[in-house]
C-alpha atoms as a PDB file:
ATOM      1  CA  MET A   1      47.964  26.409 159.055  1.00  0.00           C
ATOM      2  CA  GLU A   2      49.535  23.521 160.951  1.00  0.00           C
ATOM      3  CA  ILE A   3      49.082  25.402 164.246  1.00  0.00           C
ATOM      4  CA  ILE A   4      45.328  24.914 163.965  1.00  0.00           C
ATOM      5  CA  PHE A   5      45.873  21.173 164.492  1.00  0.00           C
ATOM      6  CA  ILE A   6      47.327  21.995 167.895  1.00  0.00           C
ATOM      7  CA  THR A   7      45.038  24.832 169.018  1.00  0.00           C
ATOM      8  CA  ILE A   8      41.717  23.143 168.251  1.00  0.00           C
ATOM      9  CA  PRO A   9      42.329  20.066 170.461  1.00  0.00           C
ATOM     10  CA  ILE A  10      43.730  22.243 173.248  1.00  0.00           C
ATOM     11  CA  THR A  11      40.631  24.495 173.026  1.00  0.00           C
ATOM     12  CA  ILE A  12      38.300  21.482 173.127  1.00  0.00           C
ATOM     13  CA  LEU A  13      40.219  20.174 176.150  1.00  0.00           C
ATOM     14  CA  PHE A  14      39.834  23.557 177.968  1.00  0.00           C
ATOM     15  CA  ILE A  15      36.102  23.714 177.184  1.00  0.00           C
ATOM     16  CA  ALA A  16      35.569  20.094 178.340  1.00  0.00           C
ATOM     17  CA  THR A  17      37.474  20.817 181.560  1.00  0.00           C
ATOM     18  CA  GLY A  18      35.363  23.936 182.198  1.00  0.00           C
ATOM     19  CA  VAL A  19      32.093  22.100 181.593  1.00  0.00           C
ATOM     20  CA  ALA A  20      33.224  19.225 183.841  1.00  0.00           C
ATOM     21  CA  LEU A  21      34.139  21.693 186.639  1.00  0.00           C
ATOM     22  CA  PHE A  22      30.787  23.439 186.295  1.00  0.00           C
ATOM     23  CA  PHE A  23      28.839  20.194 186.598  1.00  0.00           C
ATOM     24  CA  TRP A  24      31.064  19.111 189.497  1.00  0.00           C
ATOM     25  CA  ALA A  25      30.359  22.351 191.353  1.00  0.00           C
ATOM     26  CA  SER A  26      26.654  22.172 190.550  1.00  0.00           C
ATOM     27  CA  LYS A  27      26.429  18.580 191.758  1.00  0.00           C
ATOM     28  CA  GLY A  28      28.241  19.542 194.969  1.00  0.00           C
ATOM     29  CA  GLY A  29      25.657  22.156 195.848  1.00  0.00           C
ATOM     30  CA  GLN A  30      27.770  25.231 195.122  1.00  0.00           C
ATOM     31  CA  PHE A  31      24.912  27.102 193.421  1.00  0.00           C
ATOM     32  CA  ASP A  32      22.033  25.933 195.639  1.00  0.00           C
ATOM     33  CA  ASP A  33      21.528  29.030 197.811  1.00  0.00           C
ATOM     34  CA  LEU A  34      22.831  32.306 196.512  1.00  0.00           C
ATOM     35  CA  ASP A  35      20.786  34.708 198.666  1.00  0.00           C
ATOM     36  CA  SER A  36      21.373  33.518 202.241  1.00  0.00           C
ATOM     37  CA  PRO A  37      25.096  34.292 202.467  1.00  0.00           C
ATOM     38  CA  ALA A  38      24.430  37.858 201.339  1.00  0.00           C
ATOM     39  CA  HIS A  39      21.788  38.362 204.046  1.00  0.00           C
ATOM     40  CA  ARG A  40      23.579  36.460 206.776  1.00  0.00           C
ATOM     41  CA  ILE A  41      25.968  39.350 207.462  1.00  0.00           C
ATOM     42  CA  LEU A  42      23.007  41.570 208.414  1.00  0.00           C
ATOM     43  CA  PHE A  43      21.964  39.202 211.213  1.00  0.00           C
ATOM     44  CA  ASP A  44      25.337  38.428 212.828  1.00  0.00           C
ATOM     45  CA  ASP A  45      25.621  39.384 216.482  1.00  0.00           C
ATOM     46  CA  ASP A  46      28.122  42.079 217.133  1.00  0.00           C
ATOM     47  CA  ILE A  47      30.370  42.202 220.203  1.00  0.00           C
ATOM     48  CA  ALA A  48      29.037  44.635 222.756  1.00  0.00           C
ATOM     49  CA  PRO A  49      31.380  47.605 223.421  1.00  0.00           C
ATOM     50  CA  ASN A  50      31.494  46.834 227.169  1.00  0.00           C
ATOM     51  CA  ASP A  51      32.981  43.343 226.647  1.00  0.00           C
ATOM     52  CA  HIS A  52      36.445  44.785 226.103  1.00  0.00           C
ATOM     53  CA  ALA A  53      36.301  46.949 229.247  1.00  0.00           C
ATOM     54  CA  ASP A  54      36.403  43.874 231.534  1.00  0.00           C
ATOM     55  CA  LYS A  55      39.820  42.794 230.237  1.00  0.00           C
ATOM     56  CA  LYS A  56      42.806  43.912 232.312  1.00  0.00           C
ATOM     57  CA  GLN A  57      45.271  46.366 230.856  1.00  0.00           C
ATOM     58  CA  PRO A  58      48.968  45.478 231.286  1.00  0.00           C
ATOM     59  CA  ALA A  59      50.584  47.168 234.225  1.00  0.00           C
ATOM     60  CA  PRO A  60      53.035  49.974 233.392  1.00  0.00           C
ATOM     61  CA  GLU A  61      56.670  48.968 233.897  1.00  0.00           C
ATOM     62  CA  ASN A  62      57.991  52.318 235.117  1.00  0.00           C
ATOM     63  CA  LYS A  63      56.774  55.783 235.967  1.00  0.00           C
ATOM     64  CA  GLU A  64      57.117  57.136 232.432  1.00  0.00           C
ATOM     65  CA  ASP A  65      54.728  54.478 231.110  1.00  0.00           C
ATOM     66  CA  LYS A  66      51.819  55.412 233.451  1.00  0.00           C
ATOM     67  CA  PRO A  67      48.675  56.438 231.622  1.00  0.00           C
ATOM     68  CA  VAL A  68      47.692  60.095 231.830  1.00  0.00           C
ATOM     69  CA  THR A  69      44.558  60.729 233.886  1.00  0.00           C
ATOM     70  CA  ASN A  70      42.441  63.831 234.487  1.00  0.00           C
ATOM     71  CA  LYS A  71      42.527  63.340 238.269  1.00  0.00           C
ATOM     72  CA  GLN A  72      44.582  65.843 240.252  1.00  0.00           C
ATOM     73  CA  PRO A  73      46.850  64.479 243.029  1.00  0.00           C
END
């Protein structure tokens, strides 16, 4: 029965902390706009596939590292 004198104040402290954190987040604008972040991903610009083709590939160091091509010598 004596444990209840410890658990009730600890529980009240946890509840008060949770309520204070909720009001702090609410005052900071955390819950202002819940829909825009979900829709923002649909309107992001993607990188075009040809953008990576302009970058140079590293040169092969020896003959074994040469890329295989379909061209005949």
